[in-house]
């Protein structure tokens, strides 16, 4: 996790710094439904490279927003899920979804 000194003073800027790119938001959107494995996420996010997905997952994990669980199986199985902190972002993501639907409805 980042320290307070590493984050902007503005709370909106803090949120944007933590989740404010296209891929992180789409990863979180998927994880709202259930835990996902790496390859599932990669297939569901059209256009994302493995490198960007790996970097985004590592960043979200380092910031405490998601958890990474490794199951001791052969072959190894890894699942990503929202942490308690990540779950607290559900209202934000739900509001973004609602706004997007309403915006698209106005265009028709």
N, C-alpha and C. Protein backbone atom coordinates (compact mmCIF):
# COMPACT_ATOMS: atom_id res chain seq x y z
N UNK A 1 0.83 -1.19 0.00
CA UNK A 1 0.00 0.00 0.00
C UNK A 1 0.87 1.24 0.00
N UNK A 2 0.34 2.27 -0.60
CA UNK A 2 1.04 3.54 -0.62
C UNK A 2 0.90 4.23 0.74
N UNK A 3 1.84 5.10 1.05
CA UNK A 3 1.72 5.90 2.27
C UNK A 3 0.93 7.16 1.95
N UNK A 4 0.48 7.85 2.98
CA UNK A 4 -0.27 9.09 2.78
C UNK A 4 0.56 10.12 2.01
N UNK A 5 1.86 10.11 2.25
CA UNK A 5 2.74 11.07 1.59
C UNK A 5 2.85 10.80 0.09
N UNK A 6 2.63 9.56 -0.31
CA UNK A 6 2.73 9.21 -1.73
C UNK A 6 1.45 9.51 -2.51
N UNK A 7 0.39 9.83 -1.81
CA UNK A 7 -0.89 10.08 -2.45
C UNK A 7 -1.18 11.57 -2.56
N UNK A 8 -1.96 11.97 -3.57
CA UNK A 8 -2.33 13.38 -3.71
C UNK A 8 -3.18 13.85 -2.54
N UNK A 9 -3.20 15.14 -2.30
CA UNK A 9 -4.04 15.71 -1.25
C UNK A 9 -5.53 15.58 -1.58
N UNK A 10 -5.86 15.71 -2.84
CA UNK A 10 -7.26 15.66 -3.28
C UNK A 10 -7.76 14.22 -3.26
N UNK A 11 -8.88 13.95 -2.59
CA UNK A 11 -9.43 12.59 -2.53
C UNK A 11 -9.82 12.03 -3.90
N UNK A 12 -10.31 12.88 -4.79
CA UNK A 12 -10.67 12.41 -6.13
C UNK A 12 -9.41 11.99 -6.88
N UNK A 13 -8.36 12.79 -6.76
CA UNK A 13 -7.09 12.46 -7.41
C UNK A 13 -6.51 11.16 -6.84
N UNK A 14 -6.70 10.92 -5.56
CA UNK A 14 -6.24 9.67 -4.95
C UNK A 14 -6.96 8.48 -5.59
N UNK A 15 -8.28 8.59 -5.71
CA UNK A 15 -9.06 7.51 -6.31
C UNK A 15 -8.63 7.27 -7.75
N UNK A 16 -8.46 8.36 -8.49
CA UNK A 16 -8.05 8.23 -9.89
C UNK A 16 -6.66 7.59 -9.98
N UNK A 17 -5.77 7.95 -9.09
CA UNK A 17 -4.43 7.36 -9.11
C UNK A 17 -4.49 5.86 -8.86
N UNK A 18 -5.38 5.41 -7.99
CA UNK A 18 -5.46 4.00 -7.64
C UNK A 18 -6.18 3.15 -8.68
N UNK A 19 -7.27 3.68 -9.27
CA UNK A 19 -8.07 2.85 -10.17
C UNK A 19 -8.37 3.53 -11.49
N UNK A 20 -7.78 4.67 -11.74
CA UNK A 20 -8.21 5.51 -12.85
C UNK A 20 -7.66 5.20 -14.22
N UNK A 21 -7.41 3.96 -14.53
CA UNK A 21 -7.12 3.67 -15.93
C UNK A 21 -8.12 2.63 -16.43
N UNK A 22 -8.24 2.59 -17.73
CA UNK A 22 -9.23 1.74 -18.38
C UNK A 22 -9.16 0.29 -17.90
N UNK A 23 -7.97 -0.26 -17.87
CA UNK A 23 -7.85 -1.69 -17.57
C UNK A 23 -8.15 -2.00 -16.12
N UNK A 24 -7.70 -1.16 -15.20
CA UNK A 24 -7.99 -1.43 -13.79
C UNK A 24 -9.49 -1.39 -13.54
N UNK A 25 -10.17 -0.43 -14.14
CA UNK A 25 -11.61 -0.35 -13.95
C UNK A 25 -12.32 -1.58 -14.51
N UNK A 26 -11.88 -2.05 -15.66
CA UNK A 26 -12.52 -3.24 -16.24
C UNK A 26 -12.19 -4.51 -15.46
N UNK A 27 -11.00 -4.59 -14.91
CA UNK A 27 -10.65 -5.71 -14.03
C UNK A 27 -11.56 -5.71 -12.81
N UNK A 28 -11.71 -4.54 -12.19
CA UNK A 28 -12.57 -4.43 -11.01
C UNK A 28 -14.02 -4.76 -11.36
N UNK A 29 -14.47 -4.31 -12.53
CA UNK A 29 -15.83 -4.63 -12.97
C UNK A 29 -16.03 -6.15 -12.97
N UNK A 30 -15.07 -6.88 -13.53
CA UNK A 30 -15.20 -8.34 -13.56
C UNK A 30 -15.17 -8.94 -12.17
N UNK A 31 -14.27 -8.45 -11.33
CA UNK A 31 -14.12 -9.02 -9.98
C UNK A 31 -15.30 -8.70 -9.07
N UNK A 32 -16.15 -7.75 -9.46
CA UNK A 32 -17.36 -7.50 -8.68
C UNK A 32 -18.27 -8.72 -8.69
N UNK A 33 -18.21 -9.48 -9.77
CA UNK A 33 -19.11 -10.63 -9.92
C UNK A 33 -18.62 -11.86 -9.16
N UNK A 34 -17.28 -12.11 -9.24
CA UNK A 34 -16.73 -13.33 -8.64
C UNK A 34 -15.21 -13.30 -8.78
N UNK A 35 -14.52 -14.23 -8.11
CA UNK A 35 -13.07 -14.36 -8.34
C UNK A 35 -12.80 -14.86 -9.76
N UNK A 36 -11.69 -14.41 -10.31
CA UNK A 36 -11.30 -14.80 -11.68
C UNK A 36 -9.87 -15.31 -11.68
N UNK A 37 -9.59 -16.21 -12.61
CA UNK A 37 -8.23 -16.66 -12.86
C UNK A 37 -7.61 -15.76 -13.93
N UNK A 38 -6.27 -15.74 -14.00
CA UNK A 38 -5.56 -14.84 -14.91
C UNK A 38 -6.04 -15.01 -16.35
N UNK A 39 -6.05 -16.24 -16.84
CA UNK A 39 -6.41 -16.46 -18.25
C UNK A 39 -7.87 -16.09 -18.54
N UNK A 40 -8.74 -16.27 -17.56
CA UNK A 40 -10.14 -15.85 -17.74
C UNK A 40 -10.20 -14.33 -17.93
N UNK A 41 -9.48 -13.62 -17.06
CA UNK A 41 -9.45 -12.16 -17.18
C UNK A 41 -8.87 -11.75 -18.52
N UNK A 42 -7.78 -12.37 -18.90
CA UNK A 42 -7.12 -12.01 -20.15
C UNK A 42 -8.06 -12.20 -21.35
N UNK A 43 -8.79 -13.30 -21.37
CA UNK A 43 -9.72 -13.56 -22.47
C UNK A 43 -10.91 -12.60 -22.46
N UNK A 44 -11.33 -12.17 -21.27
CA UNK A 44 -12.53 -11.32 -21.17
C UNK A 44 -12.24 -9.85 -21.46
N UNK A 45 -10.98 -9.45 -21.42
CA UNK A 45 -10.60 -8.04 -21.62
C UNK A 45 -9.96 -7.90 -23.00
N UNK A 46 -10.79 -7.69 -23.98
CA UNK A 46 -10.35 -7.63 -25.37
C UNK A 46 -9.34 -6.50 -25.57
N UNK A 47 -8.15 -6.86 -26.02
CA UNK A 47 -7.13 -5.87 -26.34
C UNK A 47 -6.06 -5.69 -25.29
N UNK A 48 -6.23 -6.26 -24.11
CA UNK A 48 -5.22 -6.11 -23.06
C UNK A 48 -4.09 -7.11 -23.31
N UNK A 49 -2.87 -6.65 -23.11
CA UNK A 49 -1.73 -7.56 -23.24
C UNK A 49 -1.51 -8.28 -21.90
N UNK A 50 -0.80 -9.39 -21.96
CA UNK A 50 -0.49 -10.11 -20.72
C UNK A 50 0.34 -9.24 -19.79
N UNK A 51 1.25 -8.46 -20.36
CA UNK A 51 2.11 -7.60 -19.56
C UNK A 51 1.30 -6.54 -18.81
N UNK A 52 0.38 -5.89 -19.51
CA UNK A 52 -0.45 -4.85 -18.87
C UNK A 52 -1.37 -5.47 -17.84
N UNK A 53 -1.94 -6.64 -18.13
CA UNK A 53 -2.79 -7.31 -17.14
C UNK A 53 -1.99 -7.66 -15.90
N UNK A 54 -0.81 -8.21 -16.08
CA UNK A 54 0.05 -8.56 -14.94
C UNK A 54 0.38 -7.33 -14.13
N UNK A 55 0.78 -6.25 -14.78
CA UNK A 55 1.13 -5.01 -14.07
C UNK A 55 -0.07 -4.44 -13.32
N UNK A 56 -1.23 -4.46 -13.96
CA UNK A 56 -2.44 -3.93 -13.33
C UNK A 56 -2.83 -4.75 -12.11
N UNK A 57 -2.78 -6.08 -12.25
CA UNK A 57 -3.11 -6.95 -11.11
C UNK A 57 -2.13 -6.75 -9.96
N UNK A 58 -0.85 -6.66 -10.27
CA UNK A 58 0.15 -6.44 -9.22
C UNK A 58 -0.07 -5.11 -8.51
N UNK A 59 -0.39 -4.07 -9.28
CA UNK A 59 -0.63 -2.76 -8.70
C UNK A 59 -1.86 -2.78 -7.79
N UNK A 60 -2.95 -3.37 -8.27
CA UNK A 60 -4.17 -3.45 -7.47
C UNK A 60 -3.94 -4.28 -6.20
N UNK A 61 -3.14 -5.32 -6.30
CA UNK A 61 -2.81 -6.13 -5.13
C UNK A 61 -1.95 -5.35 -4.16
N UNK A 62 -0.95 -4.65 -4.67
CA UNK A 62 -0.06 -3.86 -3.81
C UNK A 62 -0.82 -2.76 -3.08
N UNK A 63 -1.86 -2.23 -3.72
CA UNK A 63 -2.66 -1.18 -3.09
C UNK A 63 -3.75 -1.73 -2.18
N UNK A 64 -3.84 -3.06 -2.08
CA UNK A 64 -4.80 -3.69 -1.17
C UNK A 64 -6.21 -3.77 -1.70
N UNK A 65 -6.39 -3.55 -2.99
CA UNK A 65 -7.73 -3.53 -3.58
C UNK A 65 -8.18 -4.92 -3.99
N UNK A 66 -7.23 -5.77 -4.36
CA UNK A 66 -7.57 -7.16 -4.70
C UNK A 66 -6.66 -8.10 -3.92
N UNK A 67 -7.07 -9.35 -3.87
CA UNK A 67 -6.25 -10.39 -3.26
C UNK A 67 -5.87 -11.40 -4.34
N UNK A 68 -4.74 -12.03 -4.13
CA UNK A 68 -4.25 -13.07 -5.03
C UNK A 68 -4.08 -14.33 -4.19
N UNK A 69 -4.81 -15.38 -4.54
CA UNK A 69 -4.75 -16.63 -3.81
C UNK A 69 -4.14 -17.70 -4.69
N UNK A 70 -3.06 -18.31 -4.20
CA UNK A 70 -2.40 -19.39 -4.93
C UNK A 70 -2.80 -20.71 -4.27
N UNK A 71 -3.35 -21.61 -5.07
CA UNK A 71 -3.76 -22.91 -4.57
C UNK A 71 -2.65 -23.91 -4.86
N UNK A 72 -2.23 -24.67 -3.85
CA UNK A 72 -1.12 -25.62 -4.05
C UNK A 72 -1.57 -26.88 -4.80
N UNK A 73 -1.76 -26.72 -6.08
CA UNK A 73 -2.21 -27.81 -6.94
C UNK A 73 -1.21 -27.96 -8.08
N UNK A 74 -1.36 -29.03 -8.81
CA UNK A 74 -0.57 -29.22 -10.02
C UNK A 74 -1.55 -29.37 -11.18
N UNK A 75 -1.53 -28.46 -12.13
CA UNK A 75 -0.73 -27.24 -12.18
C UNK A 75 -1.25 -26.21 -11.18
N UNK A 76 -0.40 -25.25 -10.80
CA UNK A 76 -0.82 -24.23 -9.83
C UNK A 76 -2.04 -23.45 -10.33
N UNK A 77 -2.90 -23.11 -9.40
CA UNK A 77 -4.09 -22.32 -9.72
C UNK A 77 -4.03 -21.04 -8.90
N UNK A 78 -4.24 -19.91 -9.57
CA UNK A 78 -4.22 -18.61 -8.91
C UNK A 78 -5.54 -17.92 -9.21
N UNK A 79 -6.15 -17.36 -8.17
CA UNK A 79 -7.40 -16.61 -8.34
C UNK A 79 -7.23 -15.21 -7.78
N UNK A 80 -7.86 -14.28 -8.47
CA UNK A 80 -7.89 -12.88 -8.04
C UNK A 80 -9.30 -12.55 -7.61
N UNK A 81 -9.42 -11.82 -6.50
CA UNK A 81 -10.73 -11.44 -5.97
C UNK A 81 -10.61 -10.07 -5.34
N UNK A 82 -11.75 -9.43 -5.16
CA UNK A 82 -11.75 -8.15 -4.45
C UNK A 82 -11.45 -8.38 -2.98
N UNK A 83 -10.64 -7.53 -2.42
CA UNK A 83 -10.40 -7.55 -0.98
C UNK A 83 -11.55 -6.81 -0.30
N UNK A 84 -11.51 -6.74 1.00
CA UNK A 84 -12.53 -5.96 1.73
C UNK A 84 -12.49 -4.50 1.28
N UNK A 85 -11.28 -3.98 1.10
CA UNK A 85 -11.12 -2.61 0.60
C UNK A 85 -11.69 -2.49 -0.81
N UNK A 86 -11.43 -3.47 -1.65
CA UNK A 86 -11.97 -3.46 -3.01
C UNK A 86 -13.49 -3.51 -3.01
N UNK A 87 -14.06 -4.30 -2.12
CA UNK A 87 -15.52 -4.38 -2.01
C UNK A 87 -16.11 -3.02 -1.65
N UNK A 88 -15.36 -2.21 -0.90
CA UNK A 88 -15.87 -0.88 -0.52
C UNK A 88 -15.99 0.04 -1.73
N UNK A 89 -15.41 -0.35 -2.88
CA UNK A 89 -15.50 0.44 -4.10
C UNK A 89 -16.74 0.08 -4.92
N UNK A 90 -17.47 -0.93 -4.50
CA UNK A 90 -18.65 -1.38 -5.24
C UNK A 90 -19.62 -0.23 -5.53
N UNK A 91 -19.96 0.64 -4.56
CA UNK A 91 -20.90 1.73 -4.87
C UNK A 91 -20.37 2.68 -5.95
N UNK A 92 -19.07 2.90 -5.97
CA UNK A 92 -18.47 3.77 -6.98
C UNK A 92 -18.64 3.15 -8.37
N UNK A 93 -18.30 1.88 -8.49
CA UNK A 93 -18.39 1.20 -9.78
C UNK A 93 -19.85 1.02 -10.21
N UNK A 94 -20.74 0.76 -9.25
CA UNK A 94 -22.17 0.66 -9.57
C UNK A 94 -22.69 2.00 -10.09
N UNK A 95 -22.26 3.11 -9.47
CA UNK A 95 -22.68 4.44 -9.92
C UNK A 95 -22.16 4.73 -11.32
N UNK A 96 -20.93 4.30 -11.61
CA UNK A 96 -20.38 4.49 -12.95
C UNK A 96 -21.19 3.70 -13.98
N UNK A 97 -21.60 2.48 -13.63
CA UNK A 97 -22.39 1.66 -14.53
C UNK A 97 -23.75 2.32 -14.78
N UNK A 98 -24.40 2.79 -13.73
CA UNK A 98 -25.70 3.45 -13.86
C UNK A 98 -25.59 4.68 -14.74
N UNK A 99 -24.58 5.49 -14.50
CA UNK A 99 -24.39 6.71 -15.27
C UNK A 99 -24.15 6.37 -16.74
N UNK A 100 -23.34 5.37 -17.01
CA UNK A 100 -23.06 4.96 -18.38
C UNK A 100 -24.32 4.50 -19.11
N UNK A 101 -25.16 3.72 -18.43
CA UNK A 101 -26.41 3.27 -19.03
C UNK A 101 -27.32 4.46 -19.34
N UNK A 102 -27.43 5.40 -18.38
CA UNK A 102 -28.29 6.57 -18.59
C UNK A 102 -27.76 7.44 -19.72
N UNK A 103 -26.46 7.58 -19.82
CA UNK A 103 -25.87 8.37 -20.89
C UNK A 103 -26.18 7.74 -22.25
N UNK A 104 -25.98 6.44 -22.35
CA UNK A 104 -26.25 5.76 -23.62
C UNK A 104 -27.72 5.83 -23.99
N UNK A 105 -28.62 5.79 -22.99
CA UNK A 105 -30.06 5.87 -23.26
C UNK A 105 -30.42 7.23 -23.84
N UNK A 106 -29.71 8.27 -23.45
CA UNK A 106 -30.00 9.62 -23.97
C UNK A 106 -29.61 9.75 -25.44
N UNK A 107 -28.70 8.91 -25.89
CA UNK A 107 -28.20 9.01 -27.26
C UNK A 107 -29.16 8.38 -28.27
N UNK A 108 -30.11 7.60 -27.78
CA UNK A 108 -31.01 6.92 -28.72
C UNK A 108 -32.30 7.67 -28.90
